[in-house]
C-alpha atoms as a PDB file:
ATOM      1  CA  MET A   1     -49.355  68.919  99.830  1.00  0.00           C
ATOM      2  CA  VAL A   2     -47.297  67.678  96.891  1.00  0.00           C
ATOM      3  CA  LYS A   3     -48.169  64.066  97.759  1.00  0.00           C
ATOM      4  CA  SER A   4     -51.837  65.043  97.488  1.00  0.00           C
ATOM      5  CA  SER A   5     -51.323  65.506  93.739  1.00  0.00           C
ATOM      6  CA  THR A   6     -51.107  61.717  93.203  1.00  0.00           C
ATOM      7  CA  PRO A   7     -54.723  61.440  91.907  1.00  0.00           C
ATOM      8  CA  ILE A   8     -53.880  64.013  89.243  1.00  0.00           C
ATOM      9  CA  TRP A   9     -50.971  61.926  87.979  1.00  0.00           C
ATOM     10  CA  VAL A  10     -53.136  58.807  88.125  1.00  0.00           C
ATOM     11  CA  LEU A  11     -55.690  60.551  85.903  1.00  0.00           C
ATOM     12  CA  LEU A  12     -53.050  61.855  83.471  1.00  0.00           C
ATOM     13  CA  PHE A  13     -51.490  58.412  83.038  1.00  0.00           C
ATOM     14  CA  SER A  14     -54.988  56.937  82.642  1.00  0.00           C
ATOM     15  CA  PHE A  15     -55.459  59.295  79.699  1.00  0.00           C
ATOM     16  CA  MET A  16     -52.073  58.304  78.285  1.00  0.00           C
ATOM     17  CA  PHE A  17     -52.722  54.550  78.604  1.00  0.00           C
ATOM     18  CA  GLY A  18     -56.215  54.915  77.151  1.00  0.00           C
ATOM     19  CA  PHE A  19     -58.031  53.683  80.247  1.00  0.00           C
ATOM     20  CA  GLU A  20     -60.057  56.900  80.458  1.00  0.00           C
ATOM     21  CA  LYS A  21     -61.176  59.314  77.753  1.00  0.00           C
ATOM     22  CA  PRO A  22     -60.131  62.921  78.415  1.00  0.00           C
ATOM     23  CA  ARG A  23     -63.167  64.707  79.841  1.00  0.00           C
ATOM     24  CA  VAL A  24     -63.295  68.135  81.440  1.00  0.00           C
ATOM     25  CA  ARG A  25     -65.900  66.929  83.926  1.00  0.00           C
ATOM     26  CA  LEU A  26     -63.708  64.096  85.190  1.00  0.00           C
ATOM     27  CA  ALA A  27     -60.658  66.373  85.455  1.00  0.00           C
ATOM     28  CA  ALA A  28     -62.747  68.893  87.416  1.00  0.00           C
ATOM     29  CA  ILE A  29     -63.899  66.180  89.843  1.00  0.00           C
ATOM     30  CA  ILE A  30     -60.353  64.986  90.537  1.00  0.00           C
ATOM     31  CA  GLY A  31     -59.133  68.578  90.849  1.00  0.00           C
ATOM     32  CA  LEU A  32     -61.866  69.331  93.388  1.00  0.00           C
ATOM     33  CA  MET A  33     -60.942  66.330  95.533  1.00  0.00           C
ATOM     34  CA  VAL A  34     -57.233  67.159  95.391  1.00  0.00           C
ATOM     35  CA  THR A  35     -58.039  70.712  96.461  1.00  0.00           C
ATOM     36  CA  GLY A  36     -59.964  69.354  99.425  1.00  0.00           C
ATOM     37  CA  VAL A  37     -57.068  67.121 100.467  1.00  0.00           C
ATOM     38  CA  ILE A  38     -54.631  70.034 100.181  1.00  0.00           C
ATOM     39  CA  LEU A  39     -56.857  72.168 102.415  1.00  0.00           C
ATOM     40  CA  THR A  40     -56.710  69.526 105.147  1.00  0.00           C
ATOM     41  CA  VAL A  41     -52.900  69.764 105.252  1.00  0.00           C
ATOM     42  CA  GLU A  42     -51.306  72.596 107.178  1.00  0.00           C
ATOM     43  CA  GLY A  43     -48.790  74.699 105.240  1.00  0.00           C
ATOM     44  CA  GLU A  44     -45.097  73.936 105.617  1.00  0.00           C
ATOM     45  CA  THR A  45     -43.049  76.508 107.540  1.00  0.00           C
ATOM     46  CA  LYS A  46     -39.817  75.566 105.750  1.00  0.00           C
ATOM     47  CA  PHE A  47     -39.399  74.678 102.090  1.00  0.00           C
ATOM     48  CA  ASP A  48     -36.762  72.137 101.063  1.00  0.00           C
ATOM     49  CA  MET A  49     -36.095  71.690  97.354  1.00  0.00           C
ATOM     50  CA  ALA A  50     -34.685  68.156  97.687  1.00  0.00           C
ATOM     51  CA  GLY A  51     -37.679  67.014  99.704  1.00  0.00           C
ATOM     52  CA  PHE A  52     -40.065  68.696  97.266  1.00  0.00           C
ATOM     53  CA  LEU A  53     -38.488  66.952  94.268  1.00  0.00           C
ATOM     54  CA  LEU A  54     -38.440  63.555  96.005  1.00  0.00           C
ATOM     55  CA  VAL A  55     -42.119  63.760  96.956  1.00  0.00           C
ATOM     56  CA  LEU A  56     -43.041  65.015  93.470  1.00  0.00           C
ATOM     57  CA  VAL A  57     -41.202  62.119  91.815  1.00  0.00           C
ATOM     58  CA  ALA A  58     -42.875  59.697  94.248  1.00  0.00           C
ATOM     59  CA  ALA A  59     -46.314  61.077  93.325  1.00  0.00           C
ATOM     60  CA  ILE A  60     -45.599  60.777  89.588  1.00  0.00           C
ATOM     61  CA  VAL A  61     -44.192  57.256  89.894  1.00  0.00           C
ATOM     62  CA  SER A  62     -47.171  56.238  92.039  1.00  0.00           C
ATOM     63  CA  GLY A  63     -49.563  57.290  89.280  1.00  0.00           C
ATOM     64  CA  LEU A  64     -47.500  55.384  86.713  1.00  0.00           C
ATOM     65  CA  ARG A  65     -47.292  52.299  88.947  1.00  0.00           C
ATOM     66  CA  TRP A  66     -51.037  51.955  89.428  1.00  0.00           C
ATOM     67  CA  ASN A  67     -51.737  52.368  85.713  1.00  0.00           C
ATOM     68  CA  MET A  68     -49.141  49.747  84.824  1.00  0.00           C
ATOM     69  CA  THR A  69     -50.757  47.480  87.418  1.00  0.00           C
ATOM     70  CA  GLN A  70     -54.111  48.002  85.713  1.00  0.00           C
ATOM     71  CA  LEU A  71     -52.472  47.114  82.401  1.00  0.00           C
ATOM     72  CA  LEU A  72     -51.221  43.833  83.886  1.00  0.00           C
ATOM     73  CA  LEU A  73     -54.577  42.985  85.465  1.00  0.00           C
ATOM     74  CA  GLN A  74     -56.842  43.827  82.529  1.00  0.00           C
ATOM     75  CA  GLU A  75     -54.730  42.453  79.689  1.00  0.00           C
ATOM     76  CA  ASP A  76     -55.374  38.721  79.484  1.00  0.00           C
ATOM     77  CA  ARG A  77     -52.609  38.212  76.935  1.00  0.00           C
ATOM     78  CA  LEU A  78     -49.955  39.070  79.573  1.00  0.00           C
ATOM     79  CA  GLY A  79     -50.897  36.002  81.622  1.00  0.00           C
ATOM     80  CA  ILE A  80     -51.060  37.587  85.104  1.00  0.00           C
ATOM     81  CA  ASP A  81     -54.570  39.016  85.056  1.00  0.00           C
ATOM     82  CA  ASN A  82     -55.369  37.428  88.441  1.00  0.00           C
ATOM     83  CA  PRO A  83     -54.726  39.766  91.421  1.00  0.00           C
ATOM     84  CA  ILE A  84     -53.190  36.956  93.490  1.00  0.00           C
ATOM     85  CA  ALA A  85     -50.888  35.974  90.616  1.00  0.00           C
ATOM     86  CA  THR A  86     -49.900  39.620  90.153  1.00  0.00           C
ATOM     87  CA  LEU A  87     -49.098  39.956  93.839  1.00  0.00           C
ATOM     88  CA  TYR A  88     -47.181  36.670  93.692  1.00  0.00           C
ATOM     89  CA  HIS A  89     -44.904  37.981  90.936  1.00  0.00           C
ATOM     90  CA  LEU A  90     -44.459  41.524  92.258  1.00  0.00           C
ATOM     91  CA  SER A  91     -43.992  40.891  95.995  1.00  0.00           C
ATOM     92  CA  PRO A  92     -40.520  39.243  95.815  1.00  0.00           C
ATOM     93  CA  ILE A  93     -39.160  42.116  93.724  1.00  0.00           C
ATOM     94  CA  MET A  94     -40.592  44.727  96.084  1.00  0.00           C
ATOM     95  CA  PHE A  95     -39.243  42.833  99.105  1.00  0.00           C
ATOM     96  CA  VAL A  96     -35.697  42.677  97.745  1.00  0.00           C
ATOM     97  CA  ILE A  97     -35.683  46.368  96.795  1.00  0.00           C
ATOM     98  CA  MET A  98     -37.066  47.493 100.167  1.00  0.00           C
ATOM     99  CA  LEU A  99     -34.609  45.239 102.022  1.00  0.00           C
ATOM    100  CA  LEU A 100     -31.630  46.669 100.139  1.00  0.00           C
ATOM    101  CA  LEU A 101     -32.779  50.248 100.733  1.00  0.00           C
ATOM    102  CA  SER A 102     -33.317  49.499 104.423  1.00  0.00           C
ATOM    103  CA  LEU A 103     -29.827  47.995 104.781  1.00  0.00           C
ATOM    104  CA  ILE A 104     -28.271  51.004 103.044  1.00  0.00           C
ATOM    105  CA  PHE A 105     -30.102  53.884 104.723  1.00  0.00           C
ATOM    106  CA  GLU A 106     -31.576  52.589 108.003  1.00  0.00           C
ATOM    107  CA  ASN A 107     -28.982  50.106 109.334  1.00  0.00           C
ATOM    108  CA  PRO A 108     -31.674  47.869 110.881  1.00  0.00           C
ATOM    109  CA  ILE A 109     -29.271  45.427 112.567  1.00  0.00           C
ATOM    110  CA  ASP A 110     -27.917  48.071 114.935  1.00  0.00           C
ATOM    111  CA  GLN A 111     -31.426  49.401 115.439  1.00  0.00           C
ATOM    112  CA  PHE A 112     -32.580  45.980 116.624  1.00  0.00           C
ATOM    113  CA  LYS A 113     -29.668  45.710 119.049  1.00  0.00           C
ATOM    114  CA  GLU A 114     -30.301  49.096 120.639  1.00  0.00           C
ATOM    115  CA  SER A 115     -34.108  49.144 120.521  1.00  0.00           C
ATOM    116  CA  LYS A 116     -36.017  48.550 123.759  1.00  0.00           C
ATOM    117  CA  HIS A 117     -38.689  46.745 121.740  1.00  0.00           C
ATOM    118  CA  PHE A 118     -36.338  43.790 121.231  1.00  0.00           C
ATOM    119  CA  ASP A 119     -34.359  43.726 124.497  1.00  0.00           C
ATOM    120  CA  THR A 120     -36.331  40.850 126.063  1.00  0.00           C
ATOM    121  CA  MET A 121     -38.124  37.808 124.700  1.00  0.00           C
ATOM    122  CA  PHE A 122     -41.505  39.266 125.696  1.00  0.00           C
ATOM    123  CA  HIS A 123     -40.810  42.540 123.908  1.00  0.00           C
ATOM    124  CA  PHE A 124     -39.527  40.606 120.897  1.00  0.00           C
ATOM    125  CA  LEU A 125     -42.694  38.485 120.669  1.00  0.00           C
ATOM    126  CA  GLU A 126     -44.878  41.536 121.251  1.00  0.00           C
ATOM    127  CA  SER A 127     -43.133  43.513 118.502  1.00  0.00           C
ATOM    128  CA  PHE A 128     -43.177  40.549 116.137  1.00  0.00           C
ATOM    129  CA  GLY A 129     -46.902  40.040 116.765  1.00  0.00           C
ATOM    130  CA  LEU A 130     -47.665  43.683 116.042  1.00  0.00           C
ATOM    131  CA  MET A 131     -45.596  43.565 112.859  1.00  0.00           C
ATOM    132  CA  ALA A 132     -47.351  40.344 111.787  1.00  0.00           C
ATOM    133  CA  ILE A 133     -50.770  41.928 112.299  1.00  0.00           C
ATOM    134  CA  GLY A 134     -49.683  45.002 110.357  1.00  0.00           C
ATOM    135  CA  GLY A 135     -48.297  42.799 107.589  1.00  0.00           C
ATOM    136  CA  LEU A 136     -51.544  40.827 107.304  1.00  0.00           C
ATOM    137  CA  LEU A 137     -53.579  44.028 107.151  1.00  0.00           C
ATOM    138  CA  ALA A 138     -51.235  45.455 104.507  1.00  0.00           C
ATOM    139  CA  PHE A 139     -51.512  42.230 102.490  1.00  0.00           C
ATOM    140  CA  ALA A 140     -55.310  42.319 102.667  1.00  0.00           C
ATOM    141  CA  MET A 141     -55.379  46.007 101.698  1.00  0.00           C
ATOM    142  CA  THR A 142     -53.049  45.464  98.724  1.00  0.00           C
ATOM    143  CA  LEU A 143     -55.086  42.477  97.539  1.00  0.00           C
ATOM    144  CA  ALA A 144     -58.291  44.515  97.842  1.00  0.00           C
ATOM    145  CA  GLU A 145     -56.675  47.337  95.838  1.00  0.00           C
ATOM    146  CA  LEU A 146     -55.702  44.921  93.068  1.00  0.00           C
ATOM    147  CA  TYR A 147     -59.207  43.450  92.904  1.00  0.00           C
ATOM    148  CA  LEU A 148     -60.628  46.989  92.806  1.00  0.00           C
ATOM    149  CA  ILE A 149     -58.342  47.938  89.917  1.00  0.00           C
ATOM    150  CA  LYS A 150     -59.267  44.792  87.988  1.00  0.00           C
ATOM    151  CA  SER A 151     -63.001  45.428  88.480  1.00  0.00           C
ATOM    152  CA  THR A 152     -62.915  49.208  87.905  1.00  0.00           C
ATOM    153  CA  ASN A 153     -59.851  51.383  87.197  1.00  0.00           C
ATOM    154  CA  THR A 154     -57.052  53.334  88.849  1.00  0.00           C
ATOM    155  CA  VAL A 155     -59.089  56.540  89.042  1.00  0.00           C
ATOM    156  CA  THR A 156     -61.639  54.786  91.247  1.00  0.00           C
ATOM    157  CA  LEU A 157     -58.764  53.532  93.387  1.00  0.00           C
ATOM    158  CA  SER A 158     -57.427  57.065  93.841  1.00  0.00           C
ATOM    159  CA  VAL A 159     -60.902  58.235  94.895  1.00  0.00           C
ATOM    160  CA  ALA A 160     -61.026  55.363  97.388  1.00  0.00           C
ATOM    161  CA  GLY A 161     -57.632  56.521  98.679  1.00  0.00           C
ATOM    162  CA  ILE A 162     -59.026  59.988  99.337  1.00  0.00           C
ATOM    163  CA  SER A 163     -61.940  58.376 101.182  1.00  0.00           C
ATOM    164  CA  LYS A 164     -59.391  56.503 103.292  1.00  0.00           C
ATOM    165  CA  GLU A 165     -57.669  59.768 104.210  1.00  0.00           C
ATOM    166  CA  ILE A 166     -61.012  61.193 105.367  1.00  0.00           C
ATOM    167  CA  VAL A 167     -61.643  58.123 107.531  1.00  0.00           C
ATOM    168  CA  ILE A 168     -58.152  58.428 109.060  1.00  0.00           C
ATOM    169  CA  ILE A 169     -58.791  62.065 109.966  1.00  0.00           C
ATOM    170  CA  MET A 170     -62.142  61.164 111.519  1.00  0.00           C
ATOM    171  CA  LEU A 171     -60.560  58.368 113.555  1.00  0.00           C
ATOM    172  CA  SER A 172     -57.819  60.694 114.768  1.00  0.00           C
ATOM    173  CA  VAL A 173     -60.517  63.015 116.104  1.00  0.00           C
ATOM    174  CA  LEU A 174     -62.492  60.216 117.773  1.00  0.00           C
ATOM    175  CA  ILE A 175     -59.555  58.229 119.206  1.00  0.00           C
ATOM    176  CA  TYR A 176     -56.792  60.766 119.837  1.00  0.00           C
ATOM    177  CA  GLY A 177     -58.896  63.878 120.300  1.00  0.00           C
ATOM    178  CA  ASP A 178     -57.306  65.873 117.485  1.00  0.00           C
ATOM    179  CA  VAL A 179     -58.851  69.284 116.951  1.00  0.00           C
ATOM    180  CA  LEU A 180     -59.885  70.207 113.414  1.00  0.00           C
ATOM    181  CA  THR A 181     -59.479  73.784 112.246  1.00  0.00           C
ATOM    182  CA  ARG A 182     -61.917  75.558 109.955  1.00  0.00           C
ATOM    183  CA  LYS A 183     -59.502  75.021 107.105  1.00  0.00           C
ATOM    184  CA  THR A 184     -59.411  71.268 107.750  1.00  0.00           C
ATOM    185  CA  LEU A 185     -63.203  71.074 108.010  1.00  0.00           C
ATOM    186  CA  LEU A 186     -63.507  72.965 104.722  1.00  0.00           C
ATOM    187  CA  GLY A 187     -61.069  70.540 103.103  1.00  0.00           C
ATOM    188  CA  LEU A 188     -63.057  67.549 104.364  1.00  0.00           C
ATOM    189  CA  PHE A 189     -66.280  69.065 103.044  1.00  0.00           C
ATOM    190  CA  VAL A 190     -64.743  69.759  99.622  1.00  0.00           C
ATOM    191  CA  SER A 191     -63.321  66.217  99.436  1.00  0.00           C
ATOM    192  CA  ILE A 192     -66.663  64.652 100.345  1.00  0.00           C
ATOM    193  CA  VAL A 193     -68.433  66.775  97.719  1.00  0.00           C
ATOM    194  CA  GLY A 194     -65.868  65.609  95.154  1.00  0.00           C
ATOM    195  CA  ILE A 195     -66.401  61.953  96.095  1.00  0.00           C
ATOM    196  CA  ILE A 196     -70.181  62.307  95.812  1.00  0.00           C
ATOM    197  CA  TRP A 197     -69.758  64.038  92.458  1.00  0.00           C
ATOM    198  CA  TYR A 198     -67.495  61.227  91.205  1.00  0.00           C
ATOM    199  CA  ASN A 199     -70.004  58.549  92.239  1.00  0.00           C
ATOM    200  CA  TYR A 200     -72.769  60.466  90.474  1.00  0.00           C
ATOM    201  CA  TYR A 201     -70.534  60.754  87.400  1.00  0.00           C
ATOM    202  CA  LYS A 202     -69.883  56.995  87.333  1.00  0.00           C
ATOM    203  CA  MET A 203     -73.579  56.238  87.919  1.00  0.00           C
ATOM    204  CA  THR A 204     -74.753  58.452  85.063  1.00  0.00           C
ATOM    205  CA  LYS A 205     -72.036  57.043  82.818  1.00  0.00           C
ATOM    206  CA  ALA A 206     -73.195  53.491  83.567  1.00  0.00           C
ATOM    207  CA  GLN A 207     -76.827  54.442  82.898  1.00  0.00           C
ATOM    208  CA  GLN A 208     -75.884  55.967  79.557  1.00  0.00           C
ATOM    209  CA  ALA A 209     -74.060  52.767  78.633  1.00  0.00           C
ATOM    210  CA  ASP A 210     -77.101  50.663  79.576  1.00  0.00           C
ATOM    211  CA  ASN A 211     -79.479  52.896  77.603  1.00  0.00           C
ATOM    212  CA  ALA A 212     -77.288  52.989  74.504  1.00  0.00           C
ATOM    213  CA  PRO A 213     -79.186  51.771  71.411  1.00  0.00           C
ATOM    214  CA  TYR A 214     -78.238  48.386  70.109  1.00  0.00           C
ATOM    215  CA  GLN A 215     -77.024  48.124  66.537  1.00  0.00           C
ATOM    216  CA  MET A 216     -78.851  45.501  64.512  1.00  0.00           C
ATOM    217  CA  ILE A 217     -76.600  43.112  62.635  1.00  0.00           C
ATOM    218  CA  PRO A 218     -78.088  42.226  59.239  1.00  0.00           C
ATOM    219  CA  ILE A 219     -78.517  38.548  58.588  1.00  0.00           C
ATOM    220  CA  HIS A 220     -78.295  37.472  54.958  1.00  0.00           C
ATOM    221  CA  SER A 221     -80.292  34.353  54.204  1.00  0.00           C
ATOM    222  CA  ASN A 222     -79.388  32.027  51.391  1.00  0.00           C
ATOM    223  CA  SER A 223     -82.338  30.833  49.356  1.00  0.00           C
ATOM    224  CA  LYS A 224     -80.444  27.767  48.137  1.00  0.00           C
ATOM    225  CA  LEU A 225     -80.299  24.797  50.417  1.00  0.00           C
ATOM    226  CA  GLU A 226     -77.118  22.808  50.553  1.00  0.00           C
ATOM    227  CA  ASP A 227     -77.316  19.032  50.449  1.00  0.00           C
END
């Protein structure tokens, strides 16, 4: 449930960076969607303070990360306003950090030796193929997220993330036969209402911008002609 608070931190950092103007209506929309996501998650039977703090820090840092990404993409003076260029500069750093963390905490070399997914050449090729497909999908998703941020903002991305969670839940019901409780169905309904409300908010905001009166710029004519 703590991870579901990420859209709130995205909105707060958007206010801090000046990407969004503080509005009660927008805060209410994000709060409604977060409430819906929380309702879809079953309550934890055991509370762990270390886990709570780690997930809370991850949610806060995630909100900061996406707003800093928007700053890179929408500030031409920084020189990496292209999503592909941004991904080109950020991917090596992320790869090195994730590799170091994996070597420290997961010990992947021993995992590969003992795993049945790499015991034969067929299993190795099968596992590598699945990882390659997953990597390509992750690359396409990240690139789409960067293009979305450049065209809109991080708040829209967080709303799209909530839509993704709803699609995942629906697919789990259709493919794996998961049973949804009344609480989960209520959470899905609340989230969908929040998404519809956000789209209506953006649509009315765009209409107000289009209907805004234009300010006439006075033109001063000079009666003397220059040779």
